[in-house]
N, C-alpha and C. Protein backbone atom coordinates (compact mmCIF):
# COMPACT_ATOMS: atom_id res chain seq x y z
N MET A 1 -53.16 -37.19 106.31
CA MET A 1 -52.75 -38.11 105.27
C MET A 1 -52.61 -37.36 103.94
N LYS A 2 -53.53 -36.44 103.62
CA LYS A 2 -53.47 -35.63 102.40
C LYS A 2 -52.26 -34.74 102.41
N GLY A 3 -51.84 -34.26 103.54
CA GLY A 3 -50.66 -33.37 103.60
C GLY A 3 -49.41 -34.12 103.25
N ILE A 4 -49.33 -35.39 103.73
CA ILE A 4 -48.13 -36.19 103.44
C ILE A 4 -48.09 -36.48 101.96
N LYS A 5 -49.22 -36.76 101.30
CA LYS A 5 -49.27 -37.08 99.88
C LYS A 5 -48.87 -35.87 99.04
N SER A 6 -49.29 -34.68 99.38
CA SER A 6 -48.92 -33.46 98.64
C SER A 6 -47.45 -33.18 98.75
N TYR A 7 -46.94 -33.37 99.93
CA TYR A 7 -45.51 -33.13 100.13
C TYR A 7 -44.71 -34.10 99.31
N PHE A 8 -45.16 -35.34 99.25
CA PHE A 8 -44.43 -36.38 98.51
C PHE A 8 -44.43 -36.05 97.00
N LEU A 9 -45.52 -35.60 96.45
CA LEU A 9 -45.59 -35.25 95.03
C LEU A 9 -44.70 -34.07 94.70
N THR A 10 -44.66 -33.13 95.63
CA THR A 10 -43.80 -31.96 95.41
C THR A 10 -42.35 -32.34 95.37
N ALA A 11 -41.94 -33.27 96.28
CA ALA A 11 -40.54 -33.70 96.35
C ALA A 11 -40.15 -34.43 95.08
N VAL A 12 -41.09 -35.25 94.58
CA VAL A 12 -40.80 -36.01 93.36
C VAL A 12 -40.62 -35.06 92.16
N GLY A 13 -41.43 -34.02 92.06
CA GLY A 13 -41.31 -33.05 90.96
C GLY A 13 -40.00 -32.33 90.98
N VAL A 14 -39.57 -31.92 92.21
CA VAL A 14 -38.29 -31.22 92.33
C VAL A 14 -37.16 -32.12 91.91
N ALA A 15 -37.25 -33.41 92.30
CA ALA A 15 -36.18 -34.35 91.96
C ALA A 15 -36.09 -34.53 90.45
N VAL A 16 -37.24 -34.63 89.79
CA VAL A 16 -37.23 -34.79 88.33
C VAL A 16 -36.63 -33.57 87.65
N LEU A 17 -36.96 -32.37 88.13
CA LEU A 17 -36.44 -31.15 87.54
C LEU A 17 -34.95 -31.06 87.72
N VAL A 18 -34.47 -31.39 88.93
CA VAL A 18 -33.02 -31.34 89.19
C VAL A 18 -32.31 -32.34 88.30
N GLY A 19 -32.89 -33.53 88.12
CA GLY A 19 -32.27 -34.54 87.28
C GLY A 19 -32.18 -34.09 85.82
N SER A 20 -33.19 -33.39 85.35
CA SER A 20 -33.16 -32.89 83.96
C SER A 20 -32.04 -31.90 83.75
N PHE A 21 -31.87 -30.99 84.75
CA PHE A 21 -30.77 -30.02 84.64
C PHE A 21 -29.42 -30.70 84.65
N MET A 22 -29.28 -31.73 85.47
CA MET A 22 -27.99 -32.43 85.58
C MET A 22 -27.68 -33.16 84.28
N LEU A 23 -28.69 -33.81 83.67
CA LEU A 23 -28.47 -34.53 82.41
C LEU A 23 -28.14 -33.55 81.29
N SER A 24 -28.83 -32.42 81.25
CA SER A 24 -28.57 -31.42 80.22
C SER A 24 -27.18 -30.88 80.32
N GLY A 25 -26.69 -30.60 81.55
CA GLY A 25 -25.34 -30.09 81.75
C GLY A 25 -24.31 -31.11 81.35
N ALA A 26 -24.59 -32.40 81.73
CA ALA A 26 -23.63 -33.45 81.40
C ALA A 26 -23.52 -33.61 79.89
N TYR A 27 -24.62 -33.54 79.12
CA TYR A 27 -24.61 -33.71 77.68
C TYR A 27 -23.88 -32.56 77.00
N THR A 28 -24.15 -31.33 77.53
CA THR A 28 -23.51 -30.16 76.93
C THR A 28 -22.02 -30.18 77.16
N SER A 29 -21.60 -30.56 78.35
CA SER A 29 -20.16 -30.53 78.66
C SER A 29 -19.42 -31.62 77.95
N SER A 30 -20.12 -32.72 77.56
CA SER A 30 -19.41 -33.83 76.91
C SER A 30 -19.42 -33.70 75.38
N ALA A 31 -20.16 -32.72 74.76
CA ALA A 31 -20.21 -32.57 73.30
C ALA A 31 -18.88 -32.06 72.78
N ALA A 32 -18.38 -32.61 71.61
CA ALA A 32 -17.08 -32.21 71.03
C ALA A 32 -17.19 -30.84 70.38
N PRO A 33 -16.15 -29.96 70.50
CA PRO A 33 -16.17 -28.63 69.86
C PRO A 33 -16.05 -28.76 68.34
N PRO A 34 -16.60 -27.80 67.56
CA PRO A 34 -16.50 -27.85 66.09
C PRO A 34 -15.05 -27.71 65.64
N PRO A 35 -14.68 -28.37 64.54
CA PRO A 35 -13.28 -28.29 64.06
C PRO A 35 -12.94 -26.88 63.59
N ALA A 36 -11.67 -26.49 63.71
CA ALA A 36 -11.19 -25.17 63.26
C ALA A 36 -11.00 -25.18 61.73
N THR A 37 -11.10 -23.98 61.08
CA THR A 37 -10.89 -23.86 59.63
C THR A 37 -9.44 -24.07 59.26
N GLN A 38 -9.15 -24.92 58.25
CA GLN A 38 -7.78 -25.22 57.85
C GLN A 38 -7.63 -25.06 56.33
N ASP A 39 -6.39 -24.70 55.85
CA ASP A 39 -6.10 -24.58 54.43
C ASP A 39 -5.97 -25.97 53.80
N VAL A 40 -6.34 -26.02 52.51
CA VAL A 40 -6.22 -27.28 51.76
C VAL A 40 -5.16 -27.10 50.68
N ARG A 41 -4.23 -27.98 50.57
CA ARG A 41 -3.16 -27.92 49.58
C ARG A 41 -3.43 -28.94 48.48
N VAL A 42 -3.48 -28.42 47.19
CA VAL A 42 -3.74 -29.29 46.05
C VAL A 42 -2.40 -29.69 45.44
N VAL A 43 -2.16 -30.97 45.26
CA VAL A 43 -0.86 -31.46 44.79
C VAL A 43 -0.98 -32.10 43.41
N ASN A 44 -1.98 -31.71 42.59
CA ASN A 44 -2.09 -32.27 41.24
C ASN A 44 -0.85 -31.93 40.42
N THR A 45 -0.47 -32.81 39.51
CA THR A 45 0.68 -32.58 38.64
C THR A 45 0.24 -31.79 37.41
N THR A 46 1.24 -31.34 36.58
CA THR A 46 0.94 -30.57 35.38
C THR A 46 0.22 -31.41 34.34
N THR A 47 0.36 -32.71 34.43
CA THR A 47 -0.35 -33.57 33.48
C THR A 47 -1.79 -33.82 33.90
N ASN A 48 -2.11 -33.46 35.12
CA ASN A 48 -3.47 -33.64 35.62
C ASN A 48 -3.89 -32.39 36.38
N PRO A 49 -3.97 -31.24 35.67
CA PRO A 49 -4.23 -29.97 36.35
C PRO A 49 -5.66 -29.86 36.86
N VAL A 50 -5.83 -28.95 37.80
CA VAL A 50 -7.16 -28.65 38.32
C VAL A 50 -7.78 -27.55 37.47
N PRO A 51 -8.94 -27.76 36.90
CA PRO A 51 -9.58 -26.70 36.10
C PRO A 51 -9.89 -25.47 36.95
N THR A 52 -9.56 -24.30 36.40
CA THR A 52 -9.82 -23.04 37.11
C THR A 52 -10.54 -22.08 36.18
N LEU A 53 -11.13 -21.07 36.76
CA LEU A 53 -11.82 -20.03 36.01
C LEU A 53 -11.18 -18.70 36.34
N ALA A 54 -10.55 -18.07 35.28
CA ALA A 54 -9.86 -16.80 35.50
C ALA A 54 -10.86 -15.68 35.70
N GLN A 55 -10.50 -14.76 36.60
CA GLN A 55 -11.31 -13.58 36.85
C GLN A 55 -10.42 -12.36 36.75
N GLY A 56 -10.90 -11.34 36.01
CA GLY A 56 -10.11 -10.13 35.85
C GLY A 56 -8.97 -10.37 34.86
N THR A 57 -7.82 -9.72 35.07
CA THR A 57 -6.66 -9.83 34.19
C THR A 57 -5.76 -10.96 34.67
N THR A 58 -5.42 -11.86 33.74
CA THR A 58 -4.61 -13.02 34.08
C THR A 58 -3.37 -13.06 33.21
N ASN A 59 -2.21 -13.23 33.81
CA ASN A 59 -0.96 -13.35 33.08
C ASN A 59 -0.73 -14.82 32.73
N VAL A 60 -0.46 -15.06 31.45
CA VAL A 60 -0.22 -16.43 30.98
C VAL A 60 1.22 -16.53 30.55
N ALA A 61 1.95 -17.52 31.05
CA ALA A 61 3.36 -17.71 30.72
C ALA A 61 3.53 -19.09 30.09
N GLY A 62 4.63 -19.21 29.31
CA GLY A 62 4.90 -20.49 28.70
C GLY A 62 4.18 -20.64 27.37
N THR A 63 4.10 -21.86 26.89
CA THR A 63 3.46 -22.15 25.60
C THR A 63 1.98 -22.44 25.80
N VAL A 64 1.15 -21.73 25.03
CA VAL A 64 -0.29 -21.90 25.13
C VAL A 64 -0.79 -22.56 23.86
N GLN A 65 -1.50 -23.63 23.98
CA GLN A 65 -2.07 -24.32 22.84
C GLN A 65 -3.50 -23.84 22.63
N ALA A 66 -3.79 -23.41 21.39
CA ALA A 66 -5.12 -22.90 21.07
C ALA A 66 -5.64 -23.62 19.83
N ALA A 67 -6.88 -23.95 19.83
CA ALA A 67 -7.52 -24.62 18.69
C ALA A 67 -8.41 -23.62 17.97
N GLN A 68 -8.29 -23.58 16.62
CA GLN A 68 -9.08 -22.65 15.84
C GLN A 68 -10.54 -23.07 15.82
N SER A 69 -11.40 -22.08 15.99
CA SER A 69 -12.84 -22.31 15.92
C SER A 69 -13.43 -21.30 14.94
N GLY A 70 -13.73 -21.76 13.72
CA GLY A 70 -14.23 -20.84 12.71
C GLY A 70 -13.09 -20.13 12.00
N ALA A 71 -13.42 -19.13 11.18
CA ALA A 71 -12.41 -18.40 10.41
C ALA A 71 -11.71 -17.37 11.29
N TRP A 72 -10.39 -17.26 11.12
CA TRP A 72 -9.59 -16.27 11.84
C TRP A 72 -9.30 -15.11 10.91
N ASN A 73 -9.45 -13.89 11.41
CA ASN A 73 -9.09 -12.68 10.68
C ASN A 73 -7.87 -12.05 11.33
N VAL A 74 -6.83 -11.84 10.53
CA VAL A 74 -5.58 -11.27 11.04
C VAL A 74 -5.41 -9.88 10.44
N GLY A 75 -5.21 -8.88 11.27
CA GLY A 75 -5.03 -7.51 10.80
C GLY A 75 -3.63 -7.00 11.11
N ILE A 76 -3.18 -6.01 10.33
CA ILE A 76 -1.88 -5.37 10.54
C ILE A 76 -2.13 -3.95 11.01
N SER A 77 -1.50 -3.61 12.12
CA SER A 77 -1.67 -2.29 12.70
C SER A 77 -0.55 -1.37 12.25
N GLY A 78 -0.90 -0.19 11.75
CA GLY A 78 0.10 0.77 11.33
C GLY A 78 0.72 0.38 9.99
N THR A 79 1.96 0.84 9.77
CA THR A 79 2.70 0.55 8.54
C THR A 79 4.03 -0.09 8.92
N PRO A 80 4.01 -1.40 9.16
CA PRO A 80 5.24 -2.06 9.59
C PRO A 80 6.25 -2.18 8.45
N THR A 81 7.51 -2.34 8.80
CA THR A 81 8.59 -2.52 7.83
C THR A 81 9.02 -3.98 7.83
N PHE A 82 9.14 -4.54 6.64
CA PHE A 82 9.53 -5.93 6.51
C PHE A 82 10.91 -6.01 5.86
N GLN A 83 11.71 -6.93 6.31
CA GLN A 83 13.02 -7.15 5.74
C GLN A 83 13.04 -8.52 5.06
N VAL A 84 13.40 -8.53 3.78
CA VAL A 84 13.46 -9.77 3.03
C VAL A 84 14.86 -10.35 3.17
N GLY A 85 14.93 -11.58 3.62
CA GLY A 85 16.23 -12.20 3.90
C GLY A 85 16.63 -13.27 2.90
N ASN A 86 16.08 -13.21 1.68
CA ASN A 86 16.45 -14.22 0.68
C ASN A 86 17.91 -14.10 0.30
N THR A 87 18.52 -15.24 -0.02
CA THR A 87 19.92 -15.26 -0.43
C THR A 87 20.02 -15.10 -1.94
N ALA A 88 21.27 -14.94 -2.42
CA ALA A 88 21.48 -14.78 -3.85
C ALA A 88 21.08 -16.02 -4.63
N SER A 89 21.16 -17.19 -3.99
CA SER A 89 20.78 -18.43 -4.66
C SER A 89 19.27 -18.64 -4.66
N ASN A 90 18.55 -17.85 -3.86
CA ASN A 90 17.09 -17.94 -3.81
C ASN A 90 16.51 -16.53 -3.80
N PRO A 91 16.69 -15.81 -4.90
CA PRO A 91 16.31 -14.39 -4.91
C PRO A 91 14.82 -14.17 -4.95
N VAL A 92 14.43 -12.95 -4.56
CA VAL A 92 13.03 -12.54 -4.67
C VAL A 92 12.84 -11.87 -6.02
N PHE A 93 11.85 -12.32 -6.76
CA PHE A 93 11.61 -11.75 -8.08
C PHE A 93 10.88 -10.41 -7.93
N VAL A 94 11.39 -9.42 -8.63
CA VAL A 94 10.81 -8.08 -8.58
C VAL A 94 10.47 -7.63 -10.00
N SER A 95 9.68 -6.57 -10.10
CA SER A 95 9.30 -6.02 -11.39
C SER A 95 9.57 -4.53 -11.40
N ASP A 96 10.25 -4.06 -12.45
CA ASP A 96 10.54 -2.64 -12.61
C ASP A 96 9.29 -1.96 -13.15
N VAL A 97 8.64 -1.15 -12.32
CA VAL A 97 7.38 -0.52 -12.74
C VAL A 97 7.60 0.49 -13.86
N ASN A 98 8.85 0.94 -14.07
CA ASN A 98 9.15 1.89 -15.13
C ASN A 98 9.88 1.23 -16.30
N GLU A 99 9.75 -0.09 -16.41
CA GLU A 99 10.34 -0.79 -17.54
C GLU A 99 9.80 -0.18 -18.84
N PRO A 100 10.71 0.30 -19.75
CA PRO A 100 10.25 0.98 -20.96
C PRO A 100 9.26 0.17 -21.79
N ALA A 101 9.46 -1.15 -21.84
CA ALA A 101 8.57 -1.96 -22.66
C ALA A 101 7.15 -2.01 -22.11
N LEU A 102 6.99 -1.68 -20.81
CA LEU A 102 5.67 -1.71 -20.20
C LEU A 102 4.88 -0.43 -20.44
N HIS A 103 5.58 0.67 -20.79
CA HIS A 103 4.91 1.97 -20.99
C HIS A 103 5.41 2.66 -22.26
N PRO A 104 5.33 2.01 -23.40
CA PRO A 104 5.83 2.64 -24.62
C PRO A 104 4.98 3.84 -25.03
N PHE A 105 5.63 4.76 -25.73
CA PHE A 105 4.92 5.96 -26.19
C PHE A 105 5.45 6.33 -27.57
N GLN A 106 4.55 6.60 -28.49
CA GLN A 106 4.94 7.14 -29.78
C GLN A 106 3.79 7.99 -30.32
N ALA A 107 4.17 9.03 -31.05
CA ALA A 107 3.16 9.95 -31.58
C ALA A 107 3.70 10.62 -32.83
N ARG A 108 2.78 11.06 -33.63
CA ARG A 108 3.15 11.72 -34.89
C ARG A 108 2.25 12.91 -35.12
N GLY A 109 2.81 13.96 -35.74
CA GLY A 109 2.04 15.14 -36.07
C GLY A 109 2.57 15.81 -37.32
N GLY A 110 1.79 16.69 -37.89
CA GLY A 110 2.22 17.40 -39.09
C GLY A 110 1.55 18.75 -39.19
N VAL A 111 2.11 19.57 -40.07
CA VAL A 111 1.59 20.93 -40.23
C VAL A 111 1.90 21.42 -41.65
N PRO A 112 0.98 22.17 -42.29
CA PRO A 112 1.27 22.70 -43.64
C PRO A 112 2.10 23.99 -43.56
N LEU A 113 2.92 24.18 -44.58
CA LEU A 113 3.62 25.46 -44.75
C LEU A 113 2.90 26.19 -45.89
N ASN A 114 1.93 26.98 -45.49
CA ASN A 114 1.10 27.65 -46.48
C ASN A 114 1.88 28.75 -47.20
N ALA A 115 1.41 29.05 -48.38
CA ALA A 115 2.03 30.14 -49.15
C ALA A 115 1.96 31.43 -48.35
N GLY A 116 3.05 32.13 -48.28
CA GLY A 116 3.13 33.35 -47.51
C GLY A 116 3.65 33.15 -46.11
N SER A 117 3.75 31.89 -45.65
CA SER A 117 4.26 31.60 -44.30
C SER A 117 5.67 31.04 -44.39
N VAL A 118 6.52 31.48 -43.48
CA VAL A 118 7.90 30.98 -43.47
C VAL A 118 8.10 29.95 -42.36
N ASP A 119 7.10 29.77 -41.49
CA ASP A 119 7.24 28.77 -40.42
C ASP A 119 5.86 28.24 -40.02
N ALA A 120 5.89 27.10 -39.38
CA ALA A 120 4.65 26.47 -38.90
C ALA A 120 5.00 25.53 -37.75
N THR A 121 4.06 25.40 -36.80
CA THR A 121 4.32 24.62 -35.58
C THR A 121 3.13 23.73 -35.25
N PHE A 122 3.39 22.54 -34.72
CA PHE A 122 2.33 21.68 -34.18
C PHE A 122 2.81 21.12 -32.84
N GLY A 123 1.84 20.65 -32.03
CA GLY A 123 2.17 20.15 -30.69
C GLY A 123 1.72 18.71 -30.47
N ILE A 124 2.40 18.03 -29.55
CA ILE A 124 2.05 16.66 -29.14
C ILE A 124 1.93 16.67 -27.62
N PRO A 125 0.74 16.40 -27.06
CA PRO A 125 0.58 16.46 -25.60
C PRO A 125 1.20 15.25 -24.90
N VAL A 126 1.67 15.49 -23.67
CA VAL A 126 2.23 14.44 -22.81
C VAL A 126 1.23 14.19 -21.68
N PRO A 127 0.88 12.94 -21.41
CA PRO A 127 -0.11 12.65 -20.35
C PRO A 127 0.30 13.22 -19.00
N ALA A 128 -0.68 13.76 -18.27
CA ALA A 128 -0.42 14.28 -16.93
C ALA A 128 -0.08 13.14 -15.97
N GLY A 129 0.71 13.45 -14.96
CA GLY A 129 1.08 12.44 -13.97
C GLY A 129 2.20 11.53 -14.44
N LYS A 130 2.71 11.76 -15.64
CA LYS A 130 3.79 10.96 -16.20
C LYS A 130 4.97 11.86 -16.54
N ARG A 131 6.07 11.23 -16.92
CA ARG A 131 7.20 11.93 -17.52
C ARG A 131 7.56 11.17 -18.78
N LEU A 132 7.72 11.88 -19.88
CA LEU A 132 8.03 11.24 -21.15
C LEU A 132 9.53 11.25 -21.39
N ALA A 133 10.06 10.08 -21.73
CA ALA A 133 11.45 9.96 -22.15
C ALA A 133 11.45 9.72 -23.65
N ILE A 134 11.90 10.72 -24.42
CA ILE A 134 11.97 10.58 -25.87
C ILE A 134 13.30 9.95 -26.23
N LYS A 135 13.24 8.86 -27.01
CA LYS A 135 14.46 8.15 -27.38
C LYS A 135 14.79 8.28 -28.86
N PHE A 136 13.79 8.60 -29.67
CA PHE A 136 14.06 8.71 -31.11
C PHE A 136 13.11 9.72 -31.72
N VAL A 137 13.66 10.53 -32.68
CA VAL A 137 12.87 11.53 -33.39
C VAL A 137 13.17 11.42 -34.88
N SER A 138 12.12 11.50 -35.68
CA SER A 138 12.29 11.57 -37.13
C SER A 138 11.40 12.68 -37.67
N ALA A 139 11.86 13.34 -38.73
CA ALA A 139 11.10 14.45 -39.31
C ALA A 139 11.27 14.44 -40.82
N LEU A 140 10.25 14.95 -41.50
CA LEU A 140 10.28 15.05 -42.96
C LEU A 140 9.59 16.35 -43.36
N ALA A 141 10.24 17.11 -44.27
CA ALA A 141 9.66 18.38 -44.74
C ALA A 141 9.83 18.48 -46.25
N SER A 142 8.83 19.07 -46.88
CA SER A 142 8.87 19.31 -48.33
C SER A 142 8.62 20.79 -48.58
N VAL A 143 9.50 21.40 -49.40
CA VAL A 143 9.37 22.83 -49.72
C VAL A 143 9.62 23.01 -51.22
N PRO A 144 9.18 24.15 -51.76
CA PRO A 144 9.42 24.39 -53.19
C PRO A 144 10.91 24.28 -53.54
N THR A 145 11.17 23.82 -54.76
CA THR A 145 12.55 23.60 -55.20
C THR A 145 13.38 24.86 -55.01
N GLY A 146 14.56 24.66 -54.45
CA GLY A 146 15.48 25.77 -54.21
C GLY A 146 15.43 26.29 -52.78
N GLN A 147 14.41 25.94 -52.03
CA GLN A 147 14.33 26.36 -50.64
C GLN A 147 14.98 25.32 -49.73
N VAL A 148 15.35 25.75 -48.55
CA VAL A 148 15.88 24.84 -47.52
C VAL A 148 15.00 24.96 -46.28
N VAL A 149 15.04 23.94 -45.43
CA VAL A 149 14.17 23.91 -44.25
C VAL A 149 14.95 23.40 -43.05
N ARG A 150 14.56 23.84 -41.92
CA ARG A 150 15.12 23.33 -40.66
C ARG A 150 13.98 22.98 -39.72
N ALA A 151 14.27 22.09 -38.73
CA ALA A 151 13.24 21.65 -37.78
C ALA A 151 13.79 21.76 -36.36
N THR A 152 12.95 22.22 -35.45
CA THR A 152 13.34 22.41 -34.06
C THR A 152 12.28 21.79 -33.16
N LEU A 153 12.73 21.05 -32.14
CA LEU A 153 11.82 20.42 -31.17
C LEU A 153 11.94 21.18 -29.85
N PHE A 154 10.79 21.54 -29.25
CA PHE A 154 10.77 22.25 -27.97
C PHE A 154 10.15 21.32 -26.91
N ALA A 155 10.84 21.17 -25.79
CA ALA A 155 10.36 20.30 -24.70
C ALA A 155 10.55 21.00 -23.38
N THR A 156 9.63 20.73 -22.44
CA THR A 156 9.67 21.34 -21.11
C THR A 156 9.98 20.29 -20.07
N ILE A 157 11.01 20.54 -19.28
CA ILE A 157 11.35 19.66 -18.17
C ILE A 157 11.67 20.52 -16.95
N GLY A 158 11.07 20.17 -15.81
CA GLY A 158 11.25 20.97 -14.61
C GLY A 158 10.68 22.37 -14.75
N GLY A 159 9.68 22.51 -15.64
CA GLY A 159 9.05 23.81 -15.83
C GLY A 159 9.82 24.73 -16.76
N VAL A 160 10.94 24.25 -17.34
CA VAL A 160 11.76 25.08 -18.23
C VAL A 160 11.71 24.51 -19.64
N GLU A 161 11.37 25.35 -20.61
CA GLU A 161 11.31 24.91 -22.00
C GLU A 161 12.67 25.08 -22.66
N THR A 162 13.07 24.04 -23.41
CA THR A 162 14.36 24.04 -24.10
C THR A 162 14.16 23.60 -25.54
N GLN A 163 14.94 24.18 -26.46
CA GLN A 163 14.83 23.80 -27.86
C GLN A 163 15.95 22.82 -28.22
N HIS A 164 15.59 21.88 -29.13
CA HIS A 164 16.54 20.88 -29.61
C HIS A 164 16.48 20.90 -31.14
N ASN A 165 17.61 21.17 -31.77
CA ASN A 165 17.65 21.28 -33.23
C ASN A 165 17.82 19.90 -33.86
N LEU A 166 16.99 19.61 -34.83
CA LEU A 166 17.09 18.36 -35.57
C LEU A 166 17.94 18.59 -36.82
N VAL A 167 18.74 17.60 -37.16
CA VAL A 167 19.63 17.71 -38.31
C VAL A 167 18.87 17.27 -39.56
N MET A 168 18.47 18.23 -40.37
CA MET A 168 17.72 17.96 -41.60
C MET A 168 18.71 17.84 -42.76
N THR A 169 18.63 16.76 -43.50
CA THR A 169 19.52 16.53 -44.65
C THR A 169 18.69 16.43 -45.92
N PRO A 170 19.21 16.95 -47.05
CA PRO A 170 18.48 16.89 -48.32
C PRO A 170 18.27 15.45 -48.78
N GLN A 171 17.07 15.19 -49.27
CA GLN A 171 16.73 13.85 -49.76
C GLN A 171 16.56 13.83 -51.29
N GLY A 172 16.57 15.00 -51.90
CA GLY A 172 16.42 15.08 -53.35
C GLY A 172 15.20 15.88 -53.74
N THR A 173 15.02 16.00 -55.05
CA THR A 173 13.89 16.75 -55.59
C THR A 173 12.85 15.77 -56.09
N PHE A 174 11.63 15.99 -55.68
CA PHE A 174 10.51 15.13 -56.07
C PHE A 174 9.42 16.03 -56.66
N GLY A 175 9.33 16.00 -57.99
CA GLY A 175 8.40 16.90 -58.67
C GLY A 175 8.91 18.32 -58.56
N LEU A 176 8.09 19.17 -57.96
CA LEU A 176 8.46 20.57 -57.76
C LEU A 176 8.87 20.84 -56.31
N GLN A 177 9.14 19.77 -55.53
CA GLN A 177 9.44 19.91 -54.12
C GLN A 177 10.82 19.30 -53.80
N ASP A 178 11.51 19.96 -52.90
CA ASP A 178 12.75 19.41 -52.34
C ASP A 178 12.42 18.85 -50.96
N ASP A 179 12.84 17.62 -50.72
CA ASP A 179 12.57 16.97 -49.43
C ASP A 179 13.79 17.00 -48.53
N PHE A 180 13.53 17.20 -47.24
CA PHE A 180 14.57 17.17 -46.20
C PHE A 180 14.08 16.24 -45.08
N ALA A 181 15.01 15.46 -44.51
CA ALA A 181 14.61 14.49 -43.47
C ALA A 181 15.63 14.47 -42.34
N ALA A 182 15.14 14.05 -41.19
CA ALA A 182 15.99 13.86 -40.00
C ALA A 182 15.58 12.58 -39.31
N SER A 183 16.55 11.80 -38.88
CA SER A 183 16.30 10.60 -38.08
C SER A 183 17.45 10.48 -37.09
N GLN A 184 17.15 10.68 -35.82
CA GLN A 184 18.24 10.67 -34.84
C GLN A 184 17.79 10.18 -33.47
N ALA A 185 18.71 9.46 -32.83
CA ALA A 185 18.49 9.00 -31.46
C ALA A 185 18.73 10.17 -30.51
N VAL A 186 17.88 10.29 -29.53
CA VAL A 186 17.99 11.39 -28.56
C VAL A 186 17.67 10.84 -27.17
N GLU A 187 17.85 11.66 -26.19
CA GLU A 187 17.41 11.37 -24.82
C GLU A 187 16.90 12.67 -24.24
N ILE A 188 15.62 12.89 -24.41
CA ILE A 188 14.98 14.14 -23.99
C ILE A 188 13.84 13.78 -23.05
N PHE A 189 13.80 14.41 -21.89
CA PHE A 189 12.74 14.17 -20.92
C PHE A 189 11.76 15.34 -20.93
N VAL A 190 10.47 15.00 -20.80
CA VAL A 190 9.43 16.03 -20.90
C VAL A 190 8.46 15.88 -19.74
N ASP A 191 8.09 17.00 -19.12
CA ASP A 191 7.12 16.99 -18.02
C ASP A 191 5.74 16.56 -18.52
N GLY A 192 5.05 15.77 -17.66
CA GLY A 192 3.67 15.43 -17.96
C GLY A 192 2.78 16.64 -17.87
N GLY A 193 1.70 16.65 -18.67
CA GLY A 193 0.79 17.79 -18.68
C GLY A 193 1.26 18.94 -19.54
N THR A 194 2.40 18.79 -20.25
CA THR A 194 2.88 19.84 -21.16
C THR A 194 2.78 19.33 -22.60
N GLU A 195 3.25 20.12 -23.54
CA GLU A 195 3.23 19.71 -24.95
C GLU A 195 4.64 19.78 -25.53
N ILE A 196 4.91 18.85 -26.43
CA ILE A 196 6.13 18.91 -27.24
C ILE A 196 5.76 19.68 -28.51
N PHE A 197 6.55 20.66 -28.87
CA PHE A 197 6.29 21.44 -30.09
C PHE A 197 7.39 21.17 -31.10
N VAL A 198 6.97 21.01 -32.36
CA VAL A 198 7.91 20.86 -33.47
C VAL A 198 7.65 22.01 -34.44
N GLU A 199 8.70 22.75 -34.75
CA GLU A 199 8.58 23.92 -35.61
C GLU A 199 9.42 23.74 -36.87
N PHE A 200 8.85 24.07 -38.03
CA PHE A 200 9.56 24.04 -39.31
C PHE A 200 9.73 25.47 -39.82
N ASP A 201 10.94 25.82 -40.18
CA ASP A 201 11.25 27.13 -40.76
C ASP A 201 11.87 26.91 -42.14
N ARG A 202 11.53 27.78 -43.08
CA ARG A 202 12.05 27.63 -44.44
C ARG A 202 12.55 28.95 -45.00
N SER A 203 13.38 28.83 -45.98
CA SER A 203 13.83 30.01 -46.71
C SER A 203 12.83 30.30 -47.84
N GLY A 204 13.13 31.33 -48.65
CA GLY A 204 12.28 31.60 -49.81
C GLY A 204 11.19 32.61 -49.57
N ALA A 205 11.19 33.24 -48.41
CA ALA A 205 10.24 34.32 -48.12
C ALA A 205 8.79 33.87 -48.22
N GLY A 206 8.55 32.60 -48.02
CA GLY A 206 7.18 32.10 -48.00
C GLY A 206 6.58 31.88 -49.36
N VAL A 207 7.42 31.83 -50.41
CA VAL A 207 6.89 31.60 -51.75
C VAL A 207 6.51 30.14 -51.90
N GLY A 208 5.32 29.89 -52.42
CA GLY A 208 4.86 28.53 -52.62
C GLY A 208 4.41 27.88 -51.31
N ALA A 209 3.99 26.62 -51.44
CA ALA A 209 3.49 25.88 -50.28
C ALA A 209 4.31 24.63 -50.05
N GLY A 210 4.30 24.21 -48.82
CA GLY A 210 5.03 22.99 -48.44
C GLY A 210 4.41 22.40 -47.19
N GLY A 211 5.19 21.66 -46.46
CA GLY A 211 4.67 21.07 -45.22
C GLY A 211 5.73 20.24 -44.52
N GLY A 212 5.43 19.90 -43.28
CA GLY A 212 6.37 19.09 -42.51
C GLY A 212 5.64 18.19 -41.51
N SER A 213 6.29 17.11 -41.14
CA SER A 213 5.73 16.19 -40.15
C SER A 213 6.87 15.63 -39.32
N ALA A 214 6.53 15.10 -38.13
CA ALA A 214 7.55 14.53 -37.25
C ALA A 214 6.92 13.42 -36.42
N SER A 215 7.75 12.45 -36.05
CA SER A 215 7.34 11.34 -35.18
C SER A 215 8.33 11.23 -34.04
N ILE A 216 7.80 10.92 -32.84
CA ILE A 216 8.66 10.70 -31.69
C ILE A 216 8.30 9.35 -31.08
N SER A 217 9.28 8.70 -30.47
CA SER A 217 9.04 7.44 -29.77
C SER A 217 9.87 7.41 -28.51
N GLY A 218 9.35 6.73 -27.49
CA GLY A 218 10.03 6.64 -26.19
C GLY A 218 9.16 5.86 -25.22
N TYR A 219 9.19 6.29 -23.98
CA TYR A 219 8.36 5.59 -22.97
C TYR A 219 7.98 6.57 -21.88
N LEU A 220 6.93 6.20 -21.15
CA LEU A 220 6.43 7.02 -20.05
C LEU A 220 6.95 6.50 -18.71
N ILE A 221 7.21 7.42 -17.81
CA ILE A 221 7.69 7.09 -16.47
C ILE A 221 6.63 7.52 -15.46
N ASN A 222 6.28 6.61 -14.55
CA ASN A 222 5.32 6.96 -13.50
C ASN A 222 5.94 7.94 -12.52
N MET A 223 5.20 8.99 -12.20
CA MET A 223 5.69 10.00 -11.27
C MET A 223 4.90 9.92 -9.96
N PRO A 224 5.58 10.12 -8.81
CA PRO A 224 4.88 10.09 -7.53
C PRO A 224 3.90 11.24 -7.38
């Protein structure tokens, strides 16, 4: 009787095991396979774009709208050339940097004609970095009665000194002196950093004393 009971329990165990394998196989074979990977197409319009994040170098085409945040600093690279396109009815106002009225120049000097001397000279310096345009010269000299006097202006332009004779005319006798004067318009240019020299020469072998003076007027020109 015990042998029949053991055999029966063994048969039941085998049946349960076989049934478990059959159910497991049936469940595995009936399970659906995982879906395959597919591309997704986004059809948003330009009025409803999809936000993106650029990585690396991105080319932007068309019109880009940008909003200012804080102060903007704009720099110019190199030395660009600009062309002004104003018309004659809407001109661009300019200023002449060498306008004579903006850089006037005038100076005066004098020198004595001591007894025993037949000539005397004085100088007027011209500012460096400029060029002087002399437009008018006047001179006055007094010498003992009976003597005559002449005046000469020396100016350097382009490194070369040149003399300019002033026309001295008698003005009459004043006391024991005869006066001579010159007043004339000129156009003489002088290098900056040099001196204008005015020289007075007289007759009479240096007898007695006299003197001379001169004034110049013009304007300065800026030099590069």
